[in-house]
Amino acid sequence: MAFRINTVADLANVNPTDNCVISMPTSFVGDPSEGSYDADTEALWAAIQADLKGKGWEWTGAAGIEEDGSGDWMVFRAA
């Protein structure tokens, strides 16, 4: 399962039943290679983690950059 989360409101549509990939747009402060997200991206990432944790899911630690450069992706699994 894969879900694209552009805003916190999109989390209402996320109800994974198996391992899932979440992708989100990202913006950086300074050099993107340093991985310093801007405040809006940090807030969205925190909301995603909190929402999925509340639904019984956890981030596996697996992550990467979308091939088209549109954002980052992360893998979650049932806790």
Foldseek 3Di string as FASTA:
>chain_A
DEEEDADLVSLVVDDDPFKYKYWYAFDADPDCVVVHTDPRRVVRVVSNQVSVVVNQKHWPPDKDAPPVRRTMMTIIGGD
